[in-house]
Amino acid sequence: MNSKRIAYSLNGEGYGHYGRSIGIIKFLANYFPDFQIDVYCYYNTYSIISKDTSLPANVSIKKNIGMHMCYNKKGTISFIKTIFLSKSNYVNFFKIFNVTLFAKLINPIITFFSKNSNFGYKYTKKYIDDFDFAVVDYEPLLPQVAKIRNKKFITIDSINLLLCGNFHGYGMNGKDWFYRQINKILTQIEAPLSNPAIITTIYDYPLKKKYQNKIIKVGPLVRKEISELVPSVIIEDFILVYVRGAVKKKLLPVIKETNNTRFVVFTDSLSEKEKKQYSDEHIEFHEIDPIAFPDYFRRCLAMISASGYTSISE
């Protein structure tokens, strides 16, 4: 029987969060073989990590609630669709909001009158099982559950640099400032910080004074599987593509027209209609597969990807 349980939650957007967190998850599982690691995720991340056949025996995958990004026809994020027009987002937002409200207002009153009350645990058990410690990768539910149950947790992400970084003198114009404020508000809602908190960053941005003793800055978290590929890297004549959602509808027609180059495309939920529409002799399609992807990654000539920070790090 496992002596301790670690709850690990991660954002549902996809390969980037999987790539950063899976190395930590496997390290924890191997470093603490007597611990049970319960991984809570949703949407694309749940789909990806569920296909990882190399997970240690003391790791379990559990589906939980969360919001996902919605895109417009241009393939860029639409905040209106994400927040207001997605039924699942709307429902899940209010579930998470209710847990947050309980953590901030109701639970303090309950614990004030009864230190031994387990009402908070009962209220949150439908979302998260029992745990001793929590690790959070840019996900809003688990931190609030940890606060309600008076459990310690630590957050790991890169986006909170928007909140904690001191960008004075970096030449932001009015539009940059406006979008940074919007992103700061969304980040505060989506990813409440622990103290201390870990922020991963490629460039060593300075921190605001009030965060300097709360934030641990680290470099890119490159998982072991990627590092071990370095001696076997070769260059073959194909470009690797990782693309999902609305972005694929913009990119795949361009790839089809570029018939003097071979492409290996990892994408999700490609319908039969889309396969006929985009298929060609120079294009090889794959469902998103966390085991097969690194081998193509080590052999490609170049890469086209929307997974950003993790791909840059790798």
Protein backbone atom coordinates (compact mmCIF):
# COMPACT_ATOMS: atom_id res chain seq x y z
CA MET A 1 0.00 0.00 0.00
CA ASN A 2 1.24 3.48 -0.86
CA SER A 3 2.08 5.47 2.28
CA LYS A 4 1.52 8.97 0.86
CA ARG A 5 -0.46 10.51 -1.99
CA ILE A 6 0.60 13.39 -4.21
CA ALA A 7 -2.07 15.15 -6.27
CA TYR A 8 -0.70 16.65 -9.49
CA SER A 9 -2.95 18.79 -11.68
CA LEU A 10 -2.16 20.34 -15.05
CA ASN A 11 -3.78 22.63 -17.56
CA GLY A 12 -5.78 20.97 -20.33
CA GLU A 13 -4.48 22.81 -23.39
CA GLY A 14 -2.08 20.19 -24.68
CA TYR A 15 1.41 19.00 -25.49
CA GLY A 16 3.26 21.91 -23.87
CA HIS A 17 1.81 21.31 -20.41
CA TYR A 18 2.17 17.55 -20.86
CA GLY A 19 5.81 17.91 -21.95
CA ARG A 20 6.75 20.04 -18.96
CA SER A 21 4.84 18.07 -16.34
CA ILE A 22 5.40 14.49 -17.46
CA GLY A 23 9.10 14.67 -16.59
CA ILE A 24 8.27 15.90 -13.08
CA ILE A 25 5.55 13.28 -12.63
CA LYS A 26 7.83 10.40 -13.64
CA PHE A 27 10.67 11.75 -11.49
CA LEU A 28 8.41 11.97 -8.43
CA ALA A 29 7.03 8.49 -9.08
CA ASN A 30 10.53 6.97 -9.32
CA TYR A 31 12.03 9.04 -6.48
CA PHE A 32 9.13 8.17 -4.16
CA PRO A 33 8.21 4.60 -5.18
CA ASP A 34 6.02 4.17 -2.07
CA PHE A 35 3.96 7.26 -2.95
CA GLN A 36 0.82 7.25 -5.10
CA ILE A 37 0.82 10.02 -7.74
CA ASP A 38 -2.71 10.98 -8.82
CA VAL A 39 -2.62 13.13 -11.98
CA TYR A 40 -5.67 15.32 -12.57
CA CYS A 41 -6.12 16.76 -16.06
CA TYR A 42 -8.75 17.43 -18.71
CA TYR A 43 -9.36 18.20 -22.37
CA ASN A 44 -6.31 17.72 -24.67
CA THR A 45 -3.83 17.04 -21.89
CA TYR A 46 -5.98 14.16 -20.62
CA SER A 47 -6.12 12.73 -24.15
CA ILE A 48 -2.33 12.93 -24.53
CA ILE A 49 -1.26 11.61 -21.14
CA SER A 50 -3.78 8.74 -21.35
CA LYS A 51 -1.82 7.45 -24.36
CA ASP A 52 1.51 7.47 -22.50
CA THR A 53 2.25 3.78 -21.99
CA SER A 54 5.50 4.45 -20.11
CA LEU A 55 3.91 5.76 -16.90
CA PRO A 56 5.23 4.19 -13.67
CA ALA A 57 2.91 1.79 -11.84
CA ASN A 58 2.30 4.25 -8.97
CA VAL A 59 0.88 6.91 -11.32
CA SER A 60 -2.86 7.08 -12.01
CA ILE A 61 -4.64 9.43 -14.44
CA LYS A 62 -7.91 11.02 -13.36
CA LYS A 63 -10.15 13.27 -15.45
CA ASN A 64 -11.31 16.47 -13.80
CA ILE A 65 -13.10 19.67 -14.83
CA GLY A 66 -11.51 22.69 -16.47
CA MET A 67 -11.84 25.36 -19.12
CA HIS A 68 -10.31 25.19 -22.59
CA MET A 69 -9.40 27.84 -25.14
CA CYS A 70 -11.73 28.54 -28.07
CA TYR A 71 -10.47 29.96 -31.35
CA ASN A 72 -11.85 32.23 -34.06
CA LYS A 73 -11.66 31.63 -37.82
CA LYS A 74 -8.19 33.20 -37.97
CA GLY A 75 -6.88 30.51 -35.63
CA THR A 76 -6.25 32.91 -32.73
CA ILE A 77 -7.74 32.68 -29.24
CA SER A 78 -11.17 34.27 -28.86
CA PHE A 79 -11.75 35.42 -25.29
CA ILE A 80 -15.46 36.00 -26.04
CA LYS A 81 -15.97 32.41 -27.24
CA THR A 82 -13.79 31.00 -24.46
CA ILE A 83 -15.53 32.79 -21.60
CA PHE A 84 -19.10 33.30 -22.80
CA LEU A 85 -19.98 31.06 -25.76
CA SER A 86 -18.69 27.64 -24.70
CA LYS A 87 -21.32 25.74 -22.69
CA SER A 88 -18.77 23.40 -21.08
CA ASN A 89 -16.53 26.35 -20.13
CA TYR A 90 -19.51 28.21 -18.72
CA VAL A 91 -20.57 25.25 -16.56
CA ASN A 92 -17.04 24.40 -15.40
CA PHE A 93 -16.25 28.05 -14.64
CA PHE A 94 -19.10 28.22 -12.16
CA LYS A 95 -18.11 24.90 -10.58
CA ILE A 96 -14.57 26.17 -10.07
CA PHE A 97 -15.88 29.58 -8.98
CA ASN A 98 -18.05 27.88 -6.33
CA VAL A 99 -15.04 25.99 -4.96
CA THR A 100 -13.03 29.24 -4.94
CA LEU A 101 -15.85 31.05 -3.15
CA PHE A 102 -16.06 28.23 -0.63
CA ALA A 103 -12.29 28.40 -0.04
CA LYS A 104 -12.20 32.17 0.46
CA LEU A 105 -15.46 32.88 2.32
CA ILE A 106 -17.34 29.85 3.63
CA ASN A 107 -14.56 27.51 4.76
CA PRO A 108 -12.86 30.13 7.02
CA ILE A 109 -16.18 30.60 8.86
CA ILE A 110 -16.68 26.82 9.25
CA THR A 111 -13.14 26.25 10.56
CA PHE A 112 -13.46 29.22 12.92
CA PHE A 113 -16.30 27.48 14.74
CA SER A 114 -15.07 23.91 14.29
CA LYS A 115 -11.38 23.13 13.82
CA ASN A 116 -12.09 19.45 13.24
CA SER A 117 -14.82 19.85 10.64
CA ASN A 118 -14.41 17.64 7.54
CA PHE A 119 -17.17 19.43 5.63
CA GLY A 120 -14.61 20.98 3.25
CA TYR A 121 -13.26 17.54 2.36
CA LYS A 122 -16.77 16.22 1.71
CA TYR A 123 -17.58 19.28 -0.41
CA THR A 124 -14.53 18.80 -2.66
CA LYS A 125 -14.24 14.99 -2.71
CA LYS A 126 -16.26 14.78 -5.94
CA TYR A 127 -13.42 16.65 -7.69
CA ILE A 128 -10.22 15.52 -5.93
CA ASP A 129 -9.47 12.41 -3.86
CA ASP A 130 -7.52 12.48 -0.61
CA PHE A 131 -3.89 13.69 -0.85
CA ASP A 132 -0.97 14.75 1.36
CA PHE A 133 0.70 17.28 -0.94
CA ALA A 134 -0.18 18.89 -4.26
CA VAL A 135 1.73 20.08 -7.34
CA VAL A 136 -0.07 22.38 -9.77
CA ASP A 137 0.77 23.27 -13.38
CA TYR A 138 -1.37 26.31 -14.27
CA GLU A 139 -4.68 24.85 -13.08
CA PRO A 140 -7.21 26.61 -10.82
CA LEU A 141 -9.13 23.85 -9.01
CA LEU A 142 -6.49 21.93 -7.04
CA PRO A 143 -4.99 25.01 -5.29
CA GLN A 144 -8.41 25.93 -3.90
CA VAL A 145 -9.04 22.34 -2.77
CA ALA A 146 -5.62 22.34 -1.06
CA LYS A 147 -6.51 25.56 0.78
CA ILE A 148 -9.87 24.15 1.88
CA ARG A 149 -8.24 20.97 3.20
CA ASN A 150 -5.28 22.87 4.69
CA LYS A 151 -2.79 20.93 2.55
CA LYS A 152 0.50 22.28 1.25
CA PHE A 153 0.92 22.79 -2.50
CA ILE A 154 3.40 24.27 -4.94
CA THR A 155 2.72 25.82 -8.35
CA ILE A 156 4.89 25.41 -11.45
CA ASP A 157 4.28 27.49 -14.56
CA SER A 158 5.77 30.08 -16.89
CA ILE A 159 2.76 32.35 -17.42
CA ASN A 160 2.78 33.86 -13.92
CA LEU A 161 5.86 35.78 -15.00
CA LEU A 162 3.29 38.20 -16.48
CA LEU A 163 2.11 38.88 -12.94
CA CYS A 164 5.44 38.79 -11.09
CA GLY A 165 7.86 40.22 -13.66
CA ASN A 166 9.10 43.80 -13.53
CA PHE A 167 8.84 44.88 -17.17
CA HIS A 168 9.47 48.59 -16.57
CA GLY A 169 11.69 49.92 -19.34
CA TYR A 170 10.97 47.07 -21.77
CA GLY A 171 9.27 49.39 -24.27
CA MET A 172 5.62 48.33 -23.95
CA ASN A 173 3.14 50.45 -25.89
CA GLY A 174 -0.50 51.07 -24.89
CA LYS A 175 -1.77 47.94 -26.66
CA ASP A 176 0.92 45.77 -25.04
CA TRP A 177 0.04 47.20 -21.63
CA PHE A 178 -3.70 46.58 -22.14
CA TYR A 179 -3.27 42.95 -23.15
CA ARG A 180 -0.83 42.37 -20.31
CA GLN A 181 -3.43 43.62 -17.81
CA ILE A 182 -6.07 41.29 -19.30
CA ASN A 183 -3.66 38.36 -19.14
CA LYS A 184 -2.66 39.23 -15.57
CA ILE A 185 -6.32 39.12 -14.47
CA LEU A 186 -6.93 35.80 -16.26
CA THR A 187 -3.71 34.37 -14.83
CA GLN A 188 -4.67 35.33 -11.29
CA ILE A 189 -7.97 33.49 -11.77
CA GLU A 190 -6.51 30.50 -13.63
CA ALA A 191 -3.34 29.97 -11.62
CA PRO A 192 -3.28 31.15 -7.98
CA LEU A 193 0.33 31.19 -6.79
CA SER A 194 1.76 29.16 -3.95
CA ASN A 195 4.43 30.54 -1.63
CA PRO A 196 7.04 29.69 -2.70
CA ALA A 197 6.19 29.15 -6.36
CA ILE A 198 8.33 27.93 -9.27
CA ILE A 199 8.39 29.86 -12.53
CA THR A 200 10.17 28.43 -15.57
CA THR A 201 11.69 30.97 -17.95
CA ILE A 202 14.20 31.05 -20.78
CA TYR A 203 15.09 34.72 -20.26
CA ASP A 204 15.94 35.86 -16.73
CA TYR A 205 13.42 38.70 -16.35
CA PRO A 206 13.65 40.69 -13.09
CA LEU A 207 10.88 40.22 -10.52
CA LYS A 208 8.80 42.86 -8.77
CA LYS A 209 10.11 43.52 -5.27
CA LYS A 210 7.10 41.96 -3.50
CA TYR A 211 7.64 38.67 -5.35
CA GLN A 212 11.42 38.36 -5.03
CA ASN A 213 11.26 36.19 -1.90
CA LYS A 214 8.27 34.16 -3.11
CA ILE A 215 9.37 33.05 -6.58
CA ILE A 216 11.97 30.46 -7.53
CA LYS A 217 13.03 30.99 -11.14
CA VAL A 218 14.38 27.96 -13.00
CA GLY A 219 15.39 27.30 -16.58
CA PRO A 220 13.55 25.06 -19.05
CA LEU A 221 12.32 21.76 -17.64
CA VAL A 222 13.41 19.31 -20.33
CA ARG A 223 12.23 15.78 -19.67
CA LYS A 224 14.65 12.88 -19.55
CA GLU A 225 13.26 11.22 -22.69
CA ILE A 226 14.19 14.28 -24.77
CA SER A 227 17.66 14.70 -23.24
CA GLU A 228 18.46 11.07 -23.94
CA LEU A 229 17.71 11.58 -27.65
CA VAL A 230 20.58 14.04 -28.13
CA PRO A 231 23.27 11.45 -29.13
CA SER A 232 20.94 9.91 -31.73
CA VAL A 233 19.72 13.12 -33.42
CA ILE A 234 19.84 12.93 -37.23
CA ILE A 235 18.48 15.08 -40.05
CA GLU A 236 15.96 13.54 -42.43
CA ASP A 237 14.05 15.18 -45.27
CA PHE A 238 10.75 15.98 -43.53
CA ILE A 239 9.27 18.81 -41.52
CA LEU A 240 7.48 17.79 -38.32
CA VAL A 241 4.14 19.50 -37.63
CA TYR A 242 2.18 19.54 -34.37
CA VAL A 243 -1.12 21.38 -34.77
CA ARG A 244 -4.59 21.23 -33.22
CA GLY A 245 -8.01 22.88 -33.34
CA ALA A 246 -8.70 25.89 -35.51
CA VAL A 247 -5.00 26.33 -36.28
CA LYS A 248 -4.91 23.15 -38.36
CA LYS A 249 -7.64 24.54 -40.63
CA LYS A 250 -5.35 27.46 -41.45
CA LEU A 251 -2.11 25.52 -41.72
CA LEU A 252 -3.05 22.26 -43.45
CA PRO A 253 -4.17 23.91 -46.74
CA VAL A 254 -0.77 25.65 -46.92
CA ILE A 255 1.04 22.36 -46.28
CA LYS A 256 -0.92 20.63 -49.02
CA GLU A 257 0.10 23.28 -51.55
CA THR A 258 3.77 22.99 -50.54
CA ASN A 259 4.24 19.74 -52.46
CA ASN A 260 8.01 19.99 -52.86
CA THR A 261 8.47 19.23 -49.13
CA ARG A 262 7.59 16.16 -47.07
CA PHE A 263 5.54 16.74 -43.90
CA VAL A 264 4.80 14.49 -40.93
CA VAL A 265 1.74 15.90 -39.18
CA PHE A 266 0.59 15.07 -35.65
CA THR A 267 -2.94 16.33 -35.12
CA ASP A 268 -6.12 15.39 -33.30
CA SER A 269 -9.63 14.40 -34.35
CA LEU A 270 -9.07 14.54 -38.09
CA SER A 271 -12.41 13.71 -39.69
CA GLU A 272 -12.73 11.54 -42.82
CA LYS A 273 -13.71 14.68 -44.74
CA GLU A 274 -10.57 16.48 -43.57
CA LYS A 275 -8.39 13.47 -44.42
CA LYS A 276 -9.68 13.51 -48.00
CA GLN A 277 -9.39 17.30 -48.16
CA TYR A 278 -5.81 17.56 -46.89
CA SER A 279 -4.21 14.22 -47.77
CA ASP A 280 -1.47 14.04 -50.37
CA GLU A 281 1.57 11.92 -51.20
CA HIS A 282 3.93 14.32 -49.40
CA ILE A 283 1.88 14.39 -46.15
CA GLU A 284 1.91 11.70 -43.46
CA PHE A 285 -0.76 12.04 -40.74
CA HIS A 286 -0.61 10.73 -37.17
CA GLU A 287 -2.92 11.03 -34.16
CA ILE A 288 -1.18 12.84 -31.32
CA ASP A 289 0.99 10.19 -29.66
CA PRO A 290 3.40 11.07 -26.82
CA ILE A 291 5.47 7.92 -27.40
CA ALA A 292 5.87 8.12 -31.20
CA PHE A 293 6.32 11.91 -31.36
CA PRO A 294 9.85 12.16 -29.83
CA ASP A 295 11.31 9.76 -32.40
CA TYR A 296 10.03 11.90 -35.29
CA PHE A 297 11.21 14.95 -33.37
CA ARG A 298 14.81 13.70 -33.24
CA ARG A 299 14.83 12.97 -37.00
CA CYS A 300 13.07 15.99 -38.51
CA LEU A 301 14.64 18.71 -40.63
CA ALA A 302 12.56 21.41 -38.90
CA MET A 303 9.40 21.79 -36.86
CA ILE A 304 6.17 23.78 -37.12
CA SER A 305 4.30 23.92 -33.82
CA ALA A 306 1.95 25.99 -31.71
CA SER A 307 3.22 24.42 -28.48
CA GLY A 308 5.66 27.28 -27.96
CA TYR A 309 7.68 27.29 -24.78
CA THR A 310 8.11 23.53 -24.39
CA SER A 311 9.12 22.99 -28.02
CA ILE A 312 11.61 25.87 -27.81
CA SER A 313 13.08 24.33 -24.66
CA GLU A 314 13.28 20.87 -26.20
